[in-house]
Amino acid sequence: MASIDLDKVLDKAWADKSLPEILDAPVAALKGVSDRDGELLQEAFGVKTVADLADLKYARWAQALAALGATAK
């Protein structure tokens, strides 16, 4: 089972929330993502929540390309 240190990836206000709450949270719940960044993501890609960002096809494509690049080294 995969695990993650939520203190490293979430804003302090979200670190004690449940996974469903985090997935429904605005992207600014992620550490280092500002409210303005969230607004820009929504304008550009329709991303409103952490789940939307995870589901963003461009992010998935970039992750797949990075994984391929790592195996090609």
PDB file of N, CA and C in Angstrom:
ATOM      1  N   MET A   1       0.845  -1.182   0.000  1.00  0.00           N
ATOM      2  CA  MET A   1       0.000   0.000   0.000  1.00  0.00           C
ATOM      3  C   MET A   1       0.886   1.239   0.000  1.00  0.00           C
ATOM      4  N   ALA A   2       0.566   2.187  -0.829  1.00  0.00           N
ATOM      5  CA  ALA A   2       1.344   3.422  -0.930  1.00  0.00           C
ATOM      6  C   ALA A   2       0.994   4.347   0.228  1.00  0.00           C
ATOM      7  N   SER A   3       1.971   5.145   0.631  1.00  0.00           N
ATOM      8  CA  SER A   3       1.717   6.142   1.676  1.00  0.00           C
ATOM      9  C   SER A   3       2.423   7.425   1.289  1.00  0.00           C
ATOM     10  N   ILE A   4       2.003   8.505   1.939  1.00  0.00           N
ATOM     11  CA  ILE A   4       2.578   9.813   1.664  1.00  0.00           C
ATOM     12  C   ILE A   4       2.565  10.629   2.950  1.00  0.00           C
ATOM     13  N   ASP A   5       3.593  11.424   3.151  1.00  0.00           N
ATOM     14  CA  ASP A   5       3.650  12.309   4.307  1.00  0.00           C
ATOM     15  C   ASP A   5       2.852  13.562   3.970  1.00  0.00           C
ATOM     16  N   LEU A   6       1.628  13.632   4.470  1.00  0.00           N
ATOM     17  CA  LEU A   6       0.729  14.732   4.125  1.00  0.00           C
ATOM     18  C   LEU A   6       1.274  16.088   4.540  1.00  0.00           C
ATOM     19  N   ASP A   7       2.084  16.136   5.596  1.00  0.00           N
ATOM     20  CA  ASP A   7       2.669  17.403   6.023  1.00  0.00           C
ATOM     21  C   ASP A   7       3.590  17.990   4.954  1.00  0.00           C
ATOM     22  N   LYS A   8       4.134  17.135   4.106  1.00  0.00           N
ATOM     23  CA  LYS A   8       5.046  17.598   3.052  1.00  0.00           C
ATOM     24  C   LYS A   8       4.320  18.076   1.808  1.00  0.00           C
ATOM     25  N   VAL A   9       3.089  17.658   1.610  1.00  0.00           N
ATOM     26  CA  VAL A   9       2.399  17.995   0.369  1.00  0.00           C
ATOM     27  C   VAL A   9       1.163  18.874   0.539  1.00  0.00           C
ATOM     28  N   LEU A  10       0.709  19.052   1.775  1.00  0.00           N
ATOM     29  CA  LEU A  10      -0.498  19.837   2.009  1.00  0.00           C
ATOM     30  C   LEU A  10      -0.227  21.073   2.836  1.00  0.00           C
ATOM     31  N   ASP A  11      -1.014  22.095   2.586  1.00  0.00           N
ATOM     32  CA  ASP A  11      -1.036  23.264   3.443  1.00  0.00           C
ATOM     33  C   ASP A  11      -1.456  22.798   4.833  1.00  0.00           C
ATOM     34  N   LYS A  12      -0.925  23.439   5.857  1.00  0.00           N
ATOM     35  CA  LYS A  12      -1.183  22.999   7.238  1.00  0.00           C
ATOM     36  C   LYS A  12      -2.670  22.862   7.559  1.00  0.00           C
ATOM     37  N   ALA A  13      -3.499  23.721   6.987  1.00  0.00           N
ATOM     38  CA  ALA A  13      -4.936  23.692   7.272  1.00  0.00           C
ATOM     39  C   ALA A  13      -5.607  22.418   6.767  1.00  0.00           C
ATOM     40  N   TRP A  14      -4.963  21.703   5.865  1.00  0.00           N
ATOM     41  CA  TRP A  14      -5.563  20.517   5.261  1.00  0.00           C
ATOM     42  C   TRP A  14      -4.924  19.214   5.719  1.00  0.00           C
ATOM     43  N   ALA A  15      -3.852  19.273   6.469  1.00  0.00           N
ATOM     44  CA  ALA A  15      -3.076  18.078   6.832  1.00  0.00           C
ATOM     45  C   ALA A  15      -3.866  17.062   7.673  1.00  0.00           C
ATOM     46  N   ASP A  16      -4.863  17.501   8.394  1.00  0.00           N
ATOM     47  CA  ASP A  16      -5.614  16.576   9.252  1.00  0.00           C
ATOM     48  C   ASP A  16      -6.961  16.166   8.647  1.00  0.00           C
ATOM     49  N   LYS A  17      -7.179  16.510   7.383  1.00  0.00           N
ATOM     50  CA  LYS A  17      -8.453  16.190   6.731  1.00  0.00           C
ATOM     51  C   LYS A  17      -8.431  14.769   6.171  1.00  0.00           C
ATOM     52  N   SER A  18      -9.601  14.253   5.898  1.00  0.00           N
ATOM     53  CA  SER A  18      -9.718  12.921   5.295  1.00  0.00           C
ATOM     54  C   SER A  18      -9.355  12.997   3.815  1.00  0.00           C
ATOM     55  N   LEU A  19      -9.042  11.855   3.234  1.00  0.00           N
ATOM     56  CA  LEU A  19      -8.692  11.817   1.818  1.00  0.00           C
ATOM     57  C   LEU A  19      -9.819  12.360   0.930  1.00  0.00           C
ATOM     58  N   PRO A  20     -11.073  11.987   1.162  1.00  0.00           N
ATOM     59  CA  PRO A  20     -12.143  12.570   0.335  1.00  0.00           C
ATOM     60  C   PRO A  20     -12.209  14.099   0.447  1.00  0.00           C
ATOM     61  N   GLU A  21     -11.988  14.627   1.659  1.00  0.00           N
ATOM     62  CA  GLU A  21     -11.986  16.083   1.832  1.00  0.00           C
ATOM     63  C   GLU A  21     -10.831  16.721   1.062  1.00  0.00           C
ATOM     64  N   ILE A  22      -9.675  16.083   1.103  1.00  0.00           N
ATOM     65  CA  ILE A  22      -8.501  16.619   0.407  1.00  0.00           C
ATOM     66  C   ILE A  22      -8.728  16.596  -1.102  1.00  0.00           C
ATOM     67  N   LEU A  23      -9.274  15.522  -1.614  1.00  0.00           N
ATOM     68  CA  LEU A  23      -9.522  15.433  -3.053  1.00  0.00           C
ATOM     69  C   LEU A  23     -10.538  16.463  -3.525  1.00  0.00           C
ATOM     70  N   ASP A  24     -11.484  16.822  -2.662  1.00  0.00           N
ATOM     71  CA  ASP A  24     -12.489  17.835  -2.992  1.00  0.00           C
ATOM     72  C   ASP A  24     -12.006  19.254  -2.701  1.00  0.00           C
ATOM     73  N   ALA A  25     -10.834  19.375  -2.092  1.00  0.00           N
ATOM     74  CA  ALA A  25     -10.303  20.685  -1.702  1.00  0.00           C
ATOM     75  C   ALA A  25      -9.824  21.463  -2.924  1.00  0.00           C
ATOM     76  N   PRO A  26      -9.792  22.783  -2.804  1.00  0.00           N
ATOM     77  CA  PRO A  26      -9.197  23.573  -3.886  1.00  0.00           C
ATOM     78  C   PRO A  26      -7.711  23.240  -4.012  1.00  0.00           C
ATOM     79  N   VAL A  27      -7.150  23.432  -5.200  1.00  0.00           N
ATOM     80  CA  VAL A  27      -5.753  23.070  -5.424  1.00  0.00           C
ATOM     81  C   VAL A  27      -4.809  23.841  -4.507  1.00  0.00           C
ATOM     82  N   ALA A  28      -5.234  24.963  -3.977  1.00  0.00           N
ATOM     83  CA  ALA A  28      -4.408  25.723  -3.037  1.00  0.00           C
ATOM     84  C   ALA A  28      -4.187  24.957  -1.732  1.00  0.00           C
ATOM     85  N   ALA A  29      -4.883  23.851  -1.532  1.00  0.00           N
ATOM     86  CA  ALA A  29      -4.633  23.002  -0.363  1.00  0.00           C
ATOM     87  C   ALA A  29      -3.273  22.322  -0.468  1.00  0.00           C
ATOM     88  N   LEU A  30      -2.737  22.250  -1.678  1.00  0.00           N
ATOM     89  CA  LEU A  30      -1.412  21.666  -1.883  1.00  0.00           C
ATOM     90  C   LEU A  30      -0.339  22.683  -1.514  1.00  0.00           C
ATOM     91  N   LYS A  31       0.650  22.221  -0.791  1.00  0.00           N
ATOM     92  CA  LYS A  31       1.741  23.099  -0.358  1.00  0.00           C
ATOM     93  C   LYS A  31       2.417  23.699  -1.589  1.00  0.00           C
ATOM     94  N   GLY A  32       2.581  25.018  -1.574  1.00  0.00           N
ATOM     95  CA  GLY A  32       3.252  25.709  -2.665  1.00  0.00           C
ATOM     96  C   GLY A  32       2.330  26.186  -3.774  1.00  0.00           C
ATOM     97  N   VAL A  33       1.046  25.837  -3.701  1.00  0.00           N
ATOM     98  CA  VAL A  33       0.082  26.299  -4.695  1.00  0.00           C
ATOM     99  C   VAL A  33      -0.739  27.420  -4.060  1.00  0.00           C
ATOM    100  N   SER A  34      -0.643  28.596  -4.633  1.00  0.00           N
ATOM    101  CA  SER A  34      -1.352  29.755  -4.078  1.00  0.00           C
ATOM    102  C   SER A  34      -2.791  29.810  -4.583  1.00  0.00           C
ATOM    103  N   ASP A  35      -3.583  30.663  -3.964  1.00  0.00           N
ATOM    104  CA  ASP A  35      -4.951  30.875  -4.432  1.00  0.00           C
ATOM    105  C   ASP A  35      -4.926  31.366  -5.879  1.00  0.00           C
ATOM    106  N   ARG A  36      -3.980  32.251  -6.190  1.00  0.00           N
ATOM    107  CA  ARG A  36      -3.857  32.769  -7.561  1.00  0.00           C
ATOM    108  C   ARG A  36      -3.502  31.644  -8.541  1.00  0.00           C
ATOM    109  N   ASP A  37      -2.593  30.756  -8.129  1.00  0.00           N
ATOM    110  CA  ASP A  37      -2.269  29.601  -8.974  1.00  0.00           C
ATOM    111  C   ASP A  37      -3.538  28.792  -9.253  1.00  0.00           C
ATOM    112  N   GLY A  38      -4.351  28.610  -8.227  1.00  0.00           N
ATOM    113  CA  GLY A  38      -5.612  27.882  -8.381  1.00  0.00           C
ATOM    114  C   GLY A  38      -6.544  28.563  -9.369  1.00  0.00           C
ATOM    115  N   GLU A  39      -6.607  29.892  -9.283  1.00  0.00           N
ATOM    116  CA  GLU A  39      -7.441  30.649 -10.224  1.00  0.00           C
ATOM    117  C   GLU A  39      -6.949  30.456 -11.656  1.00  0.00           C
ATOM    118  N   LEU A  40      -5.638  30.514 -11.832  1.00  0.00           N
ATOM    119  CA  LEU A  40      -5.063  30.346 -13.170  1.00  0.00           C
ATOM    120  C   LEU A  40      -5.298  28.940 -13.711  1.00  0.00           C
ATOM    121  N   LEU A  41      -5.179  27.928 -12.853  1.00  0.00           N
ATOM    122  CA  LEU A  41      -5.459  26.548 -13.274  1.00  0.00           C
ATOM    123  C   LEU A  41      -6.921  26.385 -13.688  1.00  0.00           C
ATOM    124  N   GLN A  42      -7.799  27.056 -12.939  1.00  0.00           N
ATOM    125  CA  GLN A  42      -9.214  26.973 -13.288  1.00  0.00           C
ATOM    126  C   GLN A  42      -9.480  27.664 -14.624  1.00  0.00           C
ATOM    127  N   GLU A  43      -8.893  28.843 -14.816  1.00  0.00           N
ATOM    128  CA  GLU A  43      -9.086  29.563 -16.079  1.00  0.00           C
ATOM    129  C   GLU A  43      -8.532  28.784 -17.263  1.00  0.00           C
ATOM    130  N   ALA A  44      -7.345  28.222 -17.102  1.00  0.00           N
ATOM    131  CA  ALA A  44      -6.672  27.558 -18.212  1.00  0.00           C
ATOM    132  C   ALA A  44      -7.217  26.159 -18.507  1.00  0.00           C
ATOM    133  N   PHE A  45      -7.520  25.404 -17.456  1.00  0.00           N
ATOM    134  CA  PHE A  45      -7.839  23.987 -17.643  1.00  0.00           C
ATOM    135  C   PHE A  45      -9.147  23.539 -16.985  1.00  0.00           C
ATOM    136  N   GLY A  46      -9.841  24.434 -16.312  1.00  0.00           N
ATOM    137  CA  GLY A  46     -11.068  24.041 -15.624  1.00  0.00           C
ATOM    138  C   GLY A  46     -10.822  23.265 -14.345  1.00  0.00           C
ATOM    139  N   VAL A  47      -9.593  23.330 -13.818  1.00  0.00           N
ATOM    140  CA  VAL A  47      -9.212  22.605 -12.608  1.00  0.00           C
ATOM    141  C   VAL A  47      -9.676  23.403 -11.387  1.00  0.00           C
ATOM    142  N   LYS A  48     -10.514  22.782 -10.561  1.00  0.00           N
ATOM    143  CA  LYS A  48     -10.999  23.431  -9.345  1.00  0.00           C
ATOM    144  C   LYS A  48     -10.497  22.740  -8.083  1.00  0.00           C
ATOM    145  N   THR A  49     -10.334  21.414  -8.154  1.00  0.00           N
ATOM    146  CA  THR A  49     -10.013  20.639  -6.958  1.00  0.00           C
ATOM    147  C   THR A  49      -8.715  19.858  -7.142  1.00  0.00           C
ATOM    148  N   VAL A  50      -8.235  19.314  -6.034  1.00  0.00           N
ATOM    149  CA  VAL A  50      -7.054  18.448  -6.083  1.00  0.00           C
ATOM    150  C   VAL A  50      -7.333  17.259  -7.007  1.00  0.00           C
ATOM    151  N   ALA A  51      -8.521  16.702  -6.931  1.00  0.00           N
ATOM    152  CA  ALA A  51      -8.882  15.576  -7.798  1.00  0.00           C
ATOM    153  C   ALA A  51      -8.871  15.983  -9.269  1.00  0.00           C
ATOM    154  N   ASP A  52      -9.354  17.184  -9.565  1.00  0.00           N
ATOM    155  CA  ASP A  52      -9.322  17.677 -10.949  1.00  0.00           C
ATOM    156  C   ASP A  52      -7.883  17.757 -11.456  1.00  0.00           C
ATOM    157  N   LEU A  53      -6.992  18.246 -10.613  1.00  0.00           N
ATOM    158  CA  LEU A  53      -5.593  18.368 -11.008  1.00  0.00           C
ATOM    159  C   LEU A  53      -4.982  16.992 -11.265  1.00  0.00           C
ATOM    160  N   ALA A  54      -5.295  16.048 -10.403  1.00  0.00           N
ATOM    161  CA  ALA A  54      -4.783  14.682 -10.576  1.00  0.00           C
ATOM    162  C   ALA A  54      -5.316  14.047 -11.852  1.00  0.00           C
ATOM    163  N   ASP A  55      -6.492  14.452 -12.252  1.00  0.00           N
ATOM    164  CA  ASP A  55      -7.148  13.893 -13.429  1.00  0.00           C
ATOM    165  C   ASP A  55      -6.793  14.625 -14.721  1.00  0.00           C
ATOM    166  N   LEU A  56      -6.065  15.714 -14.609  1.00  0.00           N
ATOM    167  CA  LEU A  56      -5.740  16.539 -15.769  1.00  0.00           C
ATOM    168  C   LEU A  56      -4.893  15.743 -16.758  1.00  0.00           C
ATOM    169  N   LYS A  57      -5.386  15.589 -17.965  1.00  0.00           N
ATOM    170  CA  LYS A  57      -4.698  14.742 -18.944  1.00  0.00           C
ATOM    171  C   LYS A  57      -3.284  15.228 -19.231  1.00  0.00           C
ATOM    172  N   TYR A  58      -3.049  16.511 -19.185  1.00  0.00           N
ATOM    173  CA  TYR A  58      -1.704  17.027 -19.465  1.00  0.00           C
ATOM    174  C   TYR A  58      -0.718  16.624 -18.372  1.00  0.00           C
ATOM    175  N   ALA A  59      -1.183  16.606 -17.137  1.00  0.00           N
ATOM    176  CA  ALA A  59      -0.329  16.154 -16.035  1.00  0.00           C
ATOM    177  C   ALA A  59      -0.035  14.661 -16.189  1.00  0.00           C
ATOM    178  N   ARG A  60      -1.031  13.889 -16.586  1.00  0.00           N
ATOM    179  CA  ARG A  60      -0.826  12.446 -16.794  1.00  0.00           C
ATOM    180  C   ARG A  60       0.151  12.189 -17.936  1.00  0.00           C
ATOM    181  N   TRP A  61       0.022  12.953 -19.016  1.00  0.00           N
ATOM    182  CA  TRP A  61       0.939  12.791 -20.145  1.00  0.00           C
ATOM    183  C   TRP A  61       2.368  13.108 -19.718  1.00  0.00           C
ATOM    184  N   ALA A  62       2.530  14.209 -18.978  1.00  0.00           N
ATOM    185  CA  ALA A  62       3.868  14.601 -18.519  1.00  0.00           C
ATOM    186  C   ALA A  62       4.465  13.536 -17.611  1.00  0.00           C
ATOM    187  N   GLN A  63       3.655  12.965 -16.721  1.00  0.00           N
ATOM    188  CA  GLN A  63       4.140  11.906 -15.837  1.00  0.00           C
ATOM    189  C   GLN A  63       4.553  10.673 -16.630  1.00  0.00           C
ATOM    190  N   ALA A  64       3.776  10.323 -17.641  1.00  0.00           N
ATOM    191  CA  ALA A  64       4.104   9.159 -18.466  1.00  0.00           C
ATOM    192  C   ALA A  64       5.405   9.398 -19.225  1.00  0.00           C
ATOM    193  N   LEU A  65       5.570  10.590 -19.776  1.00  0.00           N
ATOM    194  CA  LEU A  65       6.802  10.911 -20.497  1.00  0.00           C
ATOM    195  C   LEU A  65       8.008  10.887 -19.563  1.00  0.00           C
ATOM    196  N   ALA A  66       7.845  11.427 -18.357  1.00  0.00           N
ATOM    197  CA  ALA A  66       8.941  11.420 -17.384  1.00  0.00           C
ATOM    198  C   ALA A  66       9.307   9.994 -16.996  1.00  0.00           C
ATOM    199  N   ALA A  67       8.314   9.131 -16.828  1.00  0.00           N
ATOM    200  CA  ALA A  67       8.582   7.727 -16.487  1.00  0.00           C
ATOM    201  C   ALA A  67       9.332   7.032 -17.614  1.00  0.00           C
ATOM    202  N   LEU A  68       8.936   7.303 -18.857  1.00  0.00           N
ATOM    203  CA  LEU A  68       9.633   6.737 -20.005  1.00  0.00           C
ATOM    204  C   LEU A  68      11.068   7.242 -20.073  1.00  0.00           C
ATOM    205  N   GLY A  69      11.233   8.535 -19.805  1.00  0.00           N
ATOM    206  CA  GLY A  69      12.576   9.115 -19.817  1.00  0.00           C
ATOM    207  C   GLY A  69      13.468   8.511 -18.763  1.00  0.00           C
ATOM    208  N   ALA A  70      12.897   8.208 -17.605  1.00  0.00           N
ATOM    209  CA  ALA A  70      13.690   7.622 -16.510  1.00  0.00           C
ATOM    210  C   ALA A  70      14.161   6.210 -16.868  1.00  0.00           C
ATOM    211  N   THR A  71      13.350   5.491 -17.636  1.00  0.00           N
ATOM    212  CA  THR A  71      13.742   4.133 -18.015  1.00  0.00           C
ATOM    213  C   THR A  71      14.722   4.136 -19.186  1.00  0.00           C
ATOM    214  N   ALA A  72      14.799   5.241 -19.908  1.00  0.00           N
ATOM    215  CA  ALA A  72      15.674   5.331 -21.075  1.00  0.00           C
ATOM    216  C   ALA A  72      17.100   5.719 -20.703  1.00  0.00           C
ATOM    217  N   LYS A  73      17.329   6.084 -19.460  1.00  0.00           N
ATOM    218  CA  LYS A  73      18.663   6.531 -19.030  1.00  0.00           C
ATOM    219  C   LYS A  73      19.603   5.385 -18.828  1.00  0.00           C
TER     220      LYS A  73
END
